[in-house]
Amino acid sequence: MNGAAWRKSSYSNQEGGNCVEVADGFRGAVVPVRDSKAPQGPALCFEGAAWAAFIGELKAGHHRP
């Protein structure tokens, strides 16, 4: 993931809460995701369609108990 252009979640703030970063533009429709508080740590890679479905569920509010 060296040289990846990471972007923070739009829900991130400057207080260092629970935030993720996503890197765009990887071949094979892979979406790398990492913890913004540990940028040198590991990244999880998701298939693009699975990531899009996850984000769609979040936007629809299905993540609330």
PDB file of N, CA and C in Angstrom:
ATOM      1  N   MET A   1       0.817  -1.198   0.000  1.00  0.00           N
ATOM      2  CA  MET A   1       0.000   0.000   0.000  1.00  0.00           C
ATOM      3  C   MET A   1       0.861   1.263   0.000  1.00  0.00           C
ATOM      4  N   ASN A   2       2.171   1.085  -0.170  1.00  0.00           N
ATOM      5  CA  ASN A   2       3.043   2.260  -0.237  1.00  0.00           C
ATOM      6  C   ASN A   2       2.638   3.143  -1.405  1.00  0.00           C
ATOM      7  N   GLY A   3       2.580   4.421  -1.161  1.00  0.00           N
ATOM      8  CA  GLY A   3       2.236   5.372  -2.201  1.00  0.00           C
ATOM      9  C   GLY A   3       0.749   5.530  -2.439  1.00  0.00           C
ATOM     10  N   ALA A   4      -0.080   4.860  -1.664  1.00  0.00           N
ATOM     11  CA  ALA A   4      -1.534   4.980  -1.829  1.00  0.00           C
ATOM     12  C   ALA A   4      -1.983   6.374  -1.407  1.00  0.00           C
ATOM     13  N   ALA A   5      -2.985   6.887  -2.092  1.00  0.00           N
ATOM     14  CA  ALA A   5      -3.579   8.173  -1.740  1.00  0.00           C
ATOM     15  C   ALA A   5      -4.789   7.886  -0.855  1.00  0.00           C
ATOM     16  N   TRP A   6      -4.608   8.063   0.431  1.00  0.00           N
ATOM     17  CA  TRP A   6      -5.658   7.763   1.398  1.00  0.00           C
ATOM     18  C   TRP A   6      -6.530   8.986   1.631  1.00  0.00           C
ATOM     19  N   ARG A   7      -7.817   8.748   1.839  1.00  0.00           N
ATOM     20  CA  ARG A   7      -8.735   9.841   2.193  1.00  0.00           C
ATOM     21  C   ARG A   7      -9.507   9.421   3.432  1.00  0.00           C
ATOM     22  N   LYS A   8      -9.736  10.376   4.317  1.00  0.00           N
ATOM     23  CA  LYS A   8     -10.462  10.107   5.558  1.00  0.00           C
ATOM     24  C   LYS A   8     -11.957  10.112   5.319  1.00  0.00           C
ATOM     25  N   SER A   9     -12.646   9.400   6.162  1.00  0.00           N
ATOM     26  CA  SER A   9     -14.100   9.405   6.133  1.00  0.00           C
ATOM     27  C   SER A   9     -14.606  10.832   6.318  1.00  0.00           C
ATOM     28  N   SER A  10     -15.701  11.159   5.662  1.00  0.00           N
ATOM     29  CA  SER A  10     -16.291  12.484   5.832  1.00  0.00           C
ATOM     30  C   SER A  10     -16.842  12.671   7.237  1.00  0.00           C
ATOM     31  N   TYR A  11     -16.962  11.593   7.996  1.00  0.00           N
ATOM     32  CA  TYR A  11     -17.433  11.669   9.380  1.00  0.00           C
ATOM     33  C   TYR A  11     -16.287  11.850  10.367  1.00  0.00           C
ATOM     34  N   SER A  12     -15.055  11.864   9.886  1.00  0.00           N
ATOM     35  CA  SER A  12     -13.897  12.041  10.759  1.00  0.00           C
ATOM     36  C   SER A  12     -13.848  13.473  11.274  1.00  0.00           C
ATOM     37  N   ASN A  13     -13.236  13.616  12.422  1.00  0.00           N
ATOM     38  CA  ASN A  13     -13.019  14.958  12.955  1.00  0.00           C
ATOM     39  C   ASN A  13     -11.573  15.085  13.396  1.00  0.00           C
ATOM     40  N   GLN A  14     -11.200  16.231  13.865  1.00  0.00           N
ATOM     41  CA  GLN A  14      -9.822  16.476  14.267  1.00  0.00           C
ATOM     42  C   GLN A  14      -9.515  15.964  15.677  1.00  0.00           C
ATOM     43  N   GLU A  15     -10.495  15.377  16.348  1.00  0.00           N
ATOM     44  CA  GLU A  15     -10.315  14.928  17.729  1.00  0.00           C
ATOM     45  C   GLU A  15      -9.804  13.496  17.837  1.00  0.00           C
ATOM     46  N   GLY A  16      -9.563  12.834  16.721  1.00  0.00           N
ATOM     47  CA  GLY A  16      -8.984  11.499  16.749  1.00  0.00           C
ATOM     48  C   GLY A  16      -9.941  10.401  17.153  1.00  0.00           C
ATOM     49  N   GLY A  17     -11.196  10.531  16.804  1.00  0.00           N
ATOM     50  CA  GLY A  17     -12.178   9.504  17.140  1.00  0.00           C
ATOM     51  C   GLY A  17     -11.997   8.243  16.314  1.00  0.00           C
ATOM     52  N   ASN A  18     -13.006   7.413  16.288  1.00  0.00           N
ATOM     53  CA  ASN A  18     -12.978   6.163  15.528  1.00  0.00           C
ATOM     54  C   ASN A  18     -13.208   6.470  14.055  1.00  0.00           C
ATOM     55  N   CYS A  19     -12.126   6.538  13.287  1.00  0.00           N
ATOM     56  CA  CYS A  19     -12.212   6.930  11.887  1.00  0.00           C
ATOM     57  C   CYS A  19     -11.491   5.933  10.995  1.00  0.00           C
ATOM     58  N   VAL A  20     -11.927   5.891   9.765  1.00  0.00           N
ATOM     59  CA  VAL A  20     -11.269   5.041   8.779  1.00  0.00           C
ATOM     60  C   VAL A  20     -10.797   5.898   7.610  1.00  0.00           C
ATOM     61  N   GLU A  21      -9.817   5.362   6.893  1.00  0.00           N
ATOM     62  CA  GLU A  21      -9.341   5.962   5.662  1.00  0.00           C
ATOM     63  C   GLU A  21      -9.484   4.925   4.559  1.00  0.00           C
ATOM     64  N   VAL A  22      -9.771   5.408   3.359  1.00  0.00           N
ATOM     65  CA  VAL A  22      -9.966   4.544   2.198  1.00  0.00           C
ATOM     66  C   VAL A  22      -9.015   5.015   1.099  1.00  0.00           C
ATOM     67  N   ALA A  23      -8.436   4.064   0.369  1.00  0.00           N
ATOM     68  CA  ALA A  23      -7.578   4.395  -0.777  1.00  0.00           C
ATOM     69  C   ALA A  23      -8.319   3.997  -2.050  1.00  0.00           C
ATOM     70  N   ASP A  24      -8.414   4.934  -2.980  1.00  0.00           N
ATOM     71  CA  ASP A  24      -9.109   4.689  -4.247  1.00  0.00           C
ATOM     72  C   ASP A  24      -8.118   4.329  -5.346  1.00  0.00           C
ATOM     73  N   GLY A  25      -8.643   3.771  -6.420  1.00  0.00           N
ATOM     74  CA  GLY A  25      -7.863   3.586  -7.630  1.00  0.00           C
ATOM     75  C   GLY A  25      -7.040   2.315  -7.719  1.00  0.00           C
ATOM     76  N   PHE A  26      -7.391   1.294  -6.967  1.00  0.00           N
ATOM     77  CA  PHE A  26      -6.631   0.053  -7.040  1.00  0.00           C
ATOM     78  C   PHE A  26      -7.231  -0.873  -8.083  1.00  0.00           C
ATOM     79  N   ARG A  27      -6.382  -1.647  -8.731  1.00  0.00           N
ATOM     80  CA  ARG A  27      -6.816  -2.577  -9.781  1.00  0.00           C
ATOM     81  C   ARG A  27      -7.679  -3.685  -9.193  1.00  0.00           C
ATOM     82  N   GLY A  28      -8.537  -4.223 -10.043  1.00  0.00           N
ATOM     83  CA  GLY A  28      -9.366  -5.352  -9.641  1.00  0.00           C
ATOM     84  C   GLY A  28     -10.497  -4.978  -8.704  1.00  0.00           C
ATOM     85  N   ALA A  29     -10.861  -3.703  -8.687  1.00  0.00           N
ATOM     86  CA  ALA A  29     -11.969  -3.225  -7.867  1.00  0.00           C
ATOM     87  C   ALA A  29     -11.776  -3.570  -6.394  1.00  0.00           C
ATOM     88  N   VAL A  30     -10.555  -3.404  -5.904  1.00  0.00           N
ATOM     89  CA  VAL A  30     -10.251  -3.629  -4.492  1.00  0.00           C
ATOM     90  C   VAL A  30     -10.291  -2.288  -3.768  1.00  0.00           C
ATOM     91  N   VAL A  31     -10.865  -2.281  -2.565  1.00  0.00           N
ATOM     92  CA  VAL A  31     -10.928  -1.069  -1.761  1.00  0.00           C
ATOM     93  C   VAL A  31     -10.158  -1.299  -0.465  1.00  0.00           C
ATOM     94  N   PRO A  32      -8.954  -0.722  -0.341  1.00  0.00           N
ATOM     95  CA  PRO A  32      -8.200  -0.833   0.901  1.00  0.00           C
ATOM     96  C   PRO A  32      -8.763   0.131   1.949  1.00  0.00           C
ATOM     97  N   VAL A  33      -8.859  -0.336   3.185  1.00  0.00           N
ATOM     98  CA  VAL A  33      -9.395   0.446   4.296  1.00  0.00           C
ATOM     99  C   VAL A  33      -8.455   0.275   5.481  1.00  0.00           C
ATOM    100  N   ARG A  34      -8.176   1.383   6.192  1.00  0.00           N
ATOM    101  CA  ARG A  34      -7.313   1.304   7.369  1.00  0.00           C
ATOM    102  C   ARG A  34      -7.818   2.225   8.469  1.00  0.00           C
ATOM    103  N   ASP A  35      -7.295   2.024   9.659  1.00  0.00           N
ATOM    104  CA  ASP A  35      -7.601   2.850  10.822  1.00  0.00           C
ATOM    105  C   ASP A  35      -6.797   4.141  10.708  1.00  0.00           C
ATOM    106  N   SER A  36      -7.456   5.282  10.734  1.00  0.00           N
ATOM    107  CA  SER A  36      -6.748   6.553  10.573  1.00  0.00           C
ATOM    108  C   SER A  36      -5.829   6.861  11.750  1.00  0.00           C
ATOM    109  N   LYS A  37      -6.083   6.247  12.896  1.00  0.00           N
ATOM    110  CA  LYS A  37      -5.229   6.473  14.064  1.00  0.00           C
ATOM    111  C   LYS A  37      -3.946   5.647  13.991  1.00  0.00           C
ATOM    112  N   ALA A  38      -3.900   4.661  13.110  1.00  0.00           N
ATOM    113  CA  ALA A  38      -2.734   3.788  12.966  1.00  0.00           C
ATOM    114  C   ALA A  38      -2.373   3.652  11.489  1.00  0.00           C
ATOM    115  N   PRO A  39      -1.961   4.749  10.846  1.00  0.00           N
ATOM    116  CA  PRO A  39      -1.719   4.708   9.403  1.00  0.00           C
ATOM    117  C   PRO A  39      -0.607   3.750   8.976  1.00  0.00           C
ATOM    118  N   GLN A  40       0.290   3.405   9.863  1.00  0.00           N
ATOM    119  CA  GLN A  40       1.346   2.449   9.527  1.00  0.00           C
ATOM    120  C   GLN A  40       0.918   1.006   9.782  1.00  0.00           C
ATOM    121  N   GLY A  41      -0.269   0.838  10.344  1.00  0.00           N
ATOM    122  CA  GLY A  41      -0.780  -0.497  10.641  1.00  0.00           C
ATOM    123  C   GLY A  41      -1.336  -1.173   9.399  1.00  0.00           C
ATOM    124  N   PRO A  42      -1.991  -2.298   9.594  1.00  0.00           N
ATOM    125  CA  PRO A  42      -2.510  -3.057   8.453  1.00  0.00           C
ATOM    126  C   PRO A  42      -3.708  -2.385   7.793  1.00  0.00           C
ATOM    127  N   ALA A  43      -3.935  -2.771   6.558  1.00  0.00           N
ATOM    128  CA  ALA A  43      -5.122  -2.334   5.825  1.00  0.00           C
ATOM    129  C   ALA A  43      -5.923  -3.573   5.469  1.00  0.00           C
ATOM    130  N   LEU A  44      -7.221  -3.451   5.544  1.00  0.00           N
ATOM    131  CA  LEU A  44      -8.114  -4.513   5.092  1.00  0.00           C
ATOM    132  C   LEU A  44      -8.508  -4.198   3.659  1.00  0.00           C
ATOM    133  N   CYS A  45      -8.594  -5.211   2.814  1.00  0.00           N
ATOM    134  CA  CYS A  45      -8.983  -5.013   1.419  1.00  0.00           C
ATOM    135  C   CYS A  45     -10.320  -5.699   1.167  1.00  0.00           C
ATOM    136  N   PHE A  46     -11.254  -4.927   0.635  1.00  0.00           N
ATOM    137  CA  PHE A  46     -12.591  -5.425   0.339  1.00  0.00           C
ATOM    138  C   PHE A  46     -12.825  -5.397  -1.161  1.00  0.00           C
ATOM    139  N   GLU A  47     -13.642  -6.323  -1.644  1.00  0.00           N
ATOM    140  CA  GLU A  47     -14.067  -6.271  -3.035  1.00  0.00           C
ATOM    141  C   GLU A  47     -14.925  -5.024  -3.202  1.00  0.00           C
ATOM    142  N   GLY A  48     -14.781  -4.347  -4.329  1.00  0.00           N
ATOM    143  CA  GLY A  48     -15.486  -3.097  -4.562  1.00  0.00           C
ATOM    144  C   GLY A  48     -16.994  -3.189  -4.389  1.00  0.00           C
ATOM    145  N   ALA A  49     -17.611  -4.257  -4.906  1.00  0.00           N
ATOM    146  CA  ALA A  49     -19.067  -4.405  -4.800  1.00  0.00           C
ATOM    147  C   ALA A  49     -19.492  -4.598  -3.349  1.00  0.00           C
ATOM    148  N   ALA A  50     -18.702  -5.336  -2.576  1.00  0.00           N
ATOM    149  CA  ALA A  50     -19.028  -5.545  -1.164  1.00  0.00           C
ATOM    150  C   ALA A  50     -18.911  -4.237  -0.387  1.00  0.00           C
ATOM    151  N   TRP A  51     -17.879  -3.455  -0.689  1.00  0.00           N
ATOM    152  CA  TRP A  51     -17.700  -2.170  -0.015  1.00  0.00           C
ATOM    153  C   TRP A  51     -18.853  -1.225  -0.361  1.00  0.00           C
ATOM    154  N   ALA A  52     -19.242  -1.192  -1.632  1.00  0.00           N
ATOM    155  CA  ALA A  52     -20.353  -0.331  -2.051  1.00  0.00           C
ATOM    156  C   ALA A  52     -21.647  -0.726  -1.350  1.00  0.00           C
ATOM    157  N   ALA A  53     -21.894  -2.024  -1.197  1.00  0.00           N
ATOM    158  CA  ALA A  53     -23.096  -2.483  -0.497  1.00  0.00           C
ATOM    159  C   ALA A  53     -23.048  -2.068   0.967  1.00  0.00           C
ATOM    160  N   PHE A  54     -21.886  -2.192   1.603  1.00  0.00           N
ATOM    161  CA  PHE A  54     -21.716  -1.782   2.998  1.00  0.00           C
ATOM    162  C   PHE A  54     -22.008  -0.292   3.167  1.00  0.00           C
ATOM    163  N   ILE A  55     -21.424   0.535   2.312  1.00  0.00           N
ATOM    164  CA  ILE A  55     -21.643   1.980   2.389  1.00  0.00           C
ATOM    165  C   ILE A  55     -23.111   2.315   2.135  1.00  0.00           C
ATOM    166  N   GLY A  56     -23.745   1.613   1.201  1.00  0.00           N
ATOM    167  CA  GLY A  56     -25.167   1.825   0.937  1.00  0.00           C
ATOM    168  C   GLY A  56     -26.024   1.543   2.158  1.00  0.00           C
ATOM    169  N   GLU A  57     -25.693   0.486   2.885  1.00  0.00           N
ATOM    170  CA  GLU A  57     -26.430   0.160   4.117  1.00  0.00           C
ATOM    171  C   GLU A  57     -26.227   1.235   5.173  1.00  0.00           C
ATOM    172  N   LEU A  58     -25.016   1.738   5.287  1.00  0.00           N
ATOM    173  CA  LEU A  58     -24.750   2.817   6.261  1.00  0.00           C
ATOM    174  C   LEU A  58     -25.552   4.061   5.912  1.00  0.00           C
ATOM    175  N   LYS A  59     -25.523   4.441   4.631  1.00  0.00           N
ATOM    176  CA  LYS A  59     -26.249   5.641   4.210  1.00  0.00           C
ATOM    177  C   LYS A  59     -27.746   5.494   4.396  1.00  0.00           C
ATOM    178  N   ALA A  60     -28.250   4.263   4.271  1.00  0.00           N
ATOM    179  CA  ALA A  60     -29.683   4.024   4.451  1.00  0.00           C
ATOM    180  C   ALA A  60     -30.081   3.969   5.922  1.00  0.00           C
ATOM    181  N   GLY A  61     -29.083   4.018   6.811  1.00  0.00           N
ATOM    182  CA  GLY A  61     -29.378   4.027   8.239  1.00  0.00           C
ATOM    183  C   GLY A  61     -29.576   2.644   8.834  1.00  0.00           C
ATOM    184  N   HIS A  62     -29.183   1.608   8.123  1.00  0.00           N
ATOM    185  CA  HIS A  62     -29.393   0.252   8.616  1.00  0.00           C
ATOM    186  C   HIS A  62     -28.365  -0.195   9.647  1.00  0.00           C
ATOM    187  N   HIS A  63     -27.462   0.686  10.029  1.00  0.00           N
ATOM    188  CA  HIS A  63     -26.441   0.346  11.014  1.00  0.00           C
ATOM    189  C   HIS A  63     -26.884   0.650  12.430  1.00  0.00           C
ATOM    190  N   ARG A  64     -28.009   1.280  12.590  1.00  0.00           N
ATOM    191  CA  ARG A  64     -28.469   1.634  13.933  1.00  0.00           C
ATOM    192  C   ARG A  64     -29.220   0.475  14.548  1.00  0.00           C
ATOM    193  N   PRO A  65     -29.024   0.268  15.877  1.00  0.00           N
ATOM    194  CA  PRO A  65     -29.733  -0.859  16.552  1.00  0.00           C
ATOM    195  C   PRO A  65     -31.228  -0.659  16.600  1.00  0.00           C
TER     196      PRO A  65
END
